[in-house]
Amino acid sequence: MSIADVDDGRKPGLTSDERAELVRLRREKRVLEMEIEILKRASAYFARENVLPK
């Protein structure tokens, strides 16, 4: 009954909705971090392509 108590506000802690949102946000953060890493590598690759003589 502790999860129901938290959801009903009788006990302190994260509600089920807050916990689900936290999981979703952490997953989204991981995806964004991977996308940033890919973009960094791509920009470094294209920067090298433009600098080196052909």
N, C-alpha and C. Protein backbone atom coordinates (compact mmCIF):
# COMPACT_ATOMS: atom_id res chain seq x y z
N MET A 1 0.80 -1.20 0.00
CA MET A 1 0.00 0.00 0.00
C MET A 1 0.84 1.27 0.00
N SER A 2 2.17 1.17 0.09
CA SER A 2 2.99 2.38 0.19
C SER A 2 2.93 3.20 -1.09
N ILE A 3 2.87 2.58 -2.27
CA ILE A 3 2.78 3.33 -3.52
C ILE A 3 1.46 4.09 -3.57
N ALA A 4 0.39 3.43 -3.16
CA ALA A 4 -0.92 4.10 -3.13
C ALA A 4 -0.90 5.24 -2.12
N ASP A 5 -0.23 5.06 -0.98
CA ASP A 5 -0.15 6.12 0.02
C ASP A 5 0.60 7.34 -0.52
N VAL A 6 1.66 7.10 -1.26
CA VAL A 6 2.42 8.20 -1.86
C VAL A 6 1.56 8.89 -2.92
N ASP A 7 0.89 8.10 -3.77
CA ASP A 7 0.04 8.67 -4.82
C ASP A 7 -1.09 9.50 -4.23
N ASP A 8 -1.61 9.07 -3.08
CA ASP A 8 -2.71 9.79 -2.44
C ASP A 8 -2.24 10.95 -1.58
N GLY A 9 -0.94 11.09 -1.41
CA GLY A 9 -0.40 12.21 -0.65
C GLY A 9 -0.28 11.95 0.84
N ARG A 10 -0.48 10.71 1.26
CA ARG A 10 -0.38 10.39 2.69
C ARG A 10 1.05 10.16 3.13
N LYS A 11 1.93 9.84 2.18
CA LYS A 11 3.35 9.63 2.47
C LYS A 11 4.19 10.46 1.51
N PRO A 12 5.35 10.94 1.97
CA PRO A 12 6.22 11.69 1.05
C PRO A 12 6.91 10.75 0.06
N GLY A 13 7.24 11.28 -1.09
CA GLY A 13 7.95 10.50 -2.09
C GLY A 13 7.44 10.81 -3.48
N LEU A 14 8.01 10.12 -4.46
CA LEU A 14 7.60 10.32 -5.85
C LEU A 14 6.32 9.54 -6.13
N THR A 15 5.37 10.20 -6.78
CA THR A 15 4.15 9.51 -7.18
C THR A 15 4.45 8.65 -8.40
N SER A 16 3.51 7.81 -8.76
CA SER A 16 3.68 6.96 -9.93
C SER A 16 3.88 7.80 -11.19
N ASP A 17 3.11 8.89 -11.30
CA ASP A 17 3.25 9.76 -12.47
C ASP A 17 4.62 10.43 -12.50
N GLU A 18 5.09 10.88 -11.35
CA GLU A 18 6.41 11.52 -11.28
C GLU A 18 7.51 10.52 -11.61
N ARG A 19 7.37 9.32 -11.11
CA ARG A 19 8.36 8.27 -11.38
C ARG A 19 8.39 7.94 -12.87
N ALA A 20 7.22 7.84 -13.50
CA ALA A 20 7.14 7.55 -14.94
C ALA A 20 7.76 8.69 -15.74
N GLU A 21 7.50 9.93 -15.31
CA GLU A 21 8.08 11.07 -16.01
C GLU A 21 9.60 11.08 -15.87
N LEU A 22 10.10 10.74 -14.69
CA LEU A 22 11.54 10.68 -14.46
C LEU A 22 12.19 9.65 -15.37
N VAL A 23 11.58 8.49 -15.51
CA VAL A 23 12.10 7.45 -16.40
C VAL A 23 12.12 7.95 -17.84
N ARG A 24 11.01 8.59 -18.25
CA ARG A 24 10.92 9.11 -19.62
C ARG A 24 11.98 10.17 -19.88
N LEU A 25 12.16 11.07 -18.93
CA LEU A 25 13.13 12.15 -19.10
C LEU A 25 14.57 11.63 -19.12
N ARG A 26 14.86 10.63 -18.30
CA ARG A 26 16.20 10.05 -18.31
C ARG A 26 16.49 9.37 -19.64
N ARG A 27 15.49 8.67 -20.17
CA ARG A 27 15.65 8.01 -21.47
C ARG A 27 15.86 9.06 -22.57
N GLU A 28 15.06 10.12 -22.53
CA GLU A 28 15.19 11.19 -23.52
C GLU A 28 16.56 11.86 -23.42
N LYS A 29 17.06 12.03 -22.22
CA LYS A 29 18.38 12.63 -22.01
C LYS A 29 19.47 11.77 -22.64
N ARG A 30 19.37 10.44 -22.45
CA ARG A 30 20.37 9.54 -23.05
C ARG A 30 20.36 9.66 -24.57
N VAL A 31 19.17 9.72 -25.16
CA VAL A 31 19.07 9.84 -26.62
C VAL A 31 19.69 11.15 -27.09
N LEU A 32 19.38 12.24 -26.39
CA LEU A 32 19.93 13.54 -26.77
C LEU A 32 21.44 13.56 -26.64
N GLU A 33 21.97 12.94 -25.59
CA GLU A 33 23.43 12.88 -25.43
C GLU A 33 24.08 12.12 -26.57
N MET A 34 23.44 11.02 -27.00
CA MET A 34 23.98 10.26 -28.14
C MET A 34 23.93 11.10 -29.42
N GLU A 35 22.82 11.83 -29.62
CA GLU A 35 22.70 12.66 -30.81
C GLU A 35 23.77 13.75 -30.82
N ILE A 36 24.02 14.35 -29.67
CA ILE A 36 25.06 15.38 -29.58
C ILE A 36 26.43 14.80 -29.93
N GLU A 37 26.72 13.61 -29.42
CA GLU A 37 28.01 12.97 -29.72
C GLU A 37 28.15 12.69 -31.22
N ILE A 38 27.08 12.23 -31.84
CA ILE A 38 27.10 11.96 -33.29
C ILE A 38 27.34 13.26 -34.05
N LEU A 39 26.66 14.32 -33.65
CA LEU A 39 26.83 15.61 -34.34
C LEU A 39 28.24 16.16 -34.16
N LYS A 40 28.82 15.98 -32.97
CA LYS A 40 30.20 16.43 -32.75
C LYS A 40 31.16 15.69 -33.67
N ARG A 41 30.98 14.38 -33.78
CA ARG A 41 31.86 13.58 -34.64
C ARG A 41 31.68 13.96 -36.10
N ALA A 42 30.43 14.18 -36.50
CA ALA A 42 30.16 14.55 -37.90
C ALA A 42 30.77 15.91 -38.21
N SER A 43 30.63 16.86 -37.30
CA SER A 43 31.18 18.19 -37.57
C SER A 43 32.71 18.13 -37.61
N ALA A 44 33.33 17.32 -36.77
CA ALA A 44 34.78 17.17 -36.81
C ALA A 44 35.21 16.53 -38.13
N TYR A 45 34.46 15.54 -38.59
CA TYR A 45 34.77 14.87 -39.85
C TYR A 45 34.70 15.85 -41.01
N PHE A 46 33.61 16.62 -41.08
CA PHE A 46 33.46 17.56 -42.19
C PHE A 46 34.43 18.72 -42.10
N ALA A 47 34.81 19.11 -40.89
CA ALA A 47 35.82 20.16 -40.74
C ALA A 47 37.15 19.68 -41.29
N ARG A 48 37.51 18.41 -41.01
CA ARG A 48 38.75 17.84 -41.55
C ARG A 48 38.70 17.77 -43.08
N GLU A 49 37.56 17.40 -43.62
CA GLU A 49 37.42 17.29 -45.08
C GLU A 49 37.66 18.63 -45.75
N ASN A 50 37.23 19.72 -45.12
CA ASN A 50 37.36 21.05 -45.72
C ASN A 50 38.75 21.64 -45.55
N VAL A 51 39.54 21.13 -44.62
CA VAL A 51 40.85 21.71 -44.33
C VAL A 51 41.96 21.01 -45.10
N LEU A 52 41.90 19.71 -45.22
CA LEU A 52 42.97 18.96 -45.86
C LEU A 52 42.99 19.20 -47.36
N PRO A 53 44.18 19.34 -47.92
CA PRO A 53 44.28 19.51 -49.38
C PRO A 53 43.90 18.23 -50.10
N LYS A 54 43.38 18.38 -51.29
CA LYS A 54 42.93 17.20 -52.06
C LYS A 54 43.93 16.79 -53.11
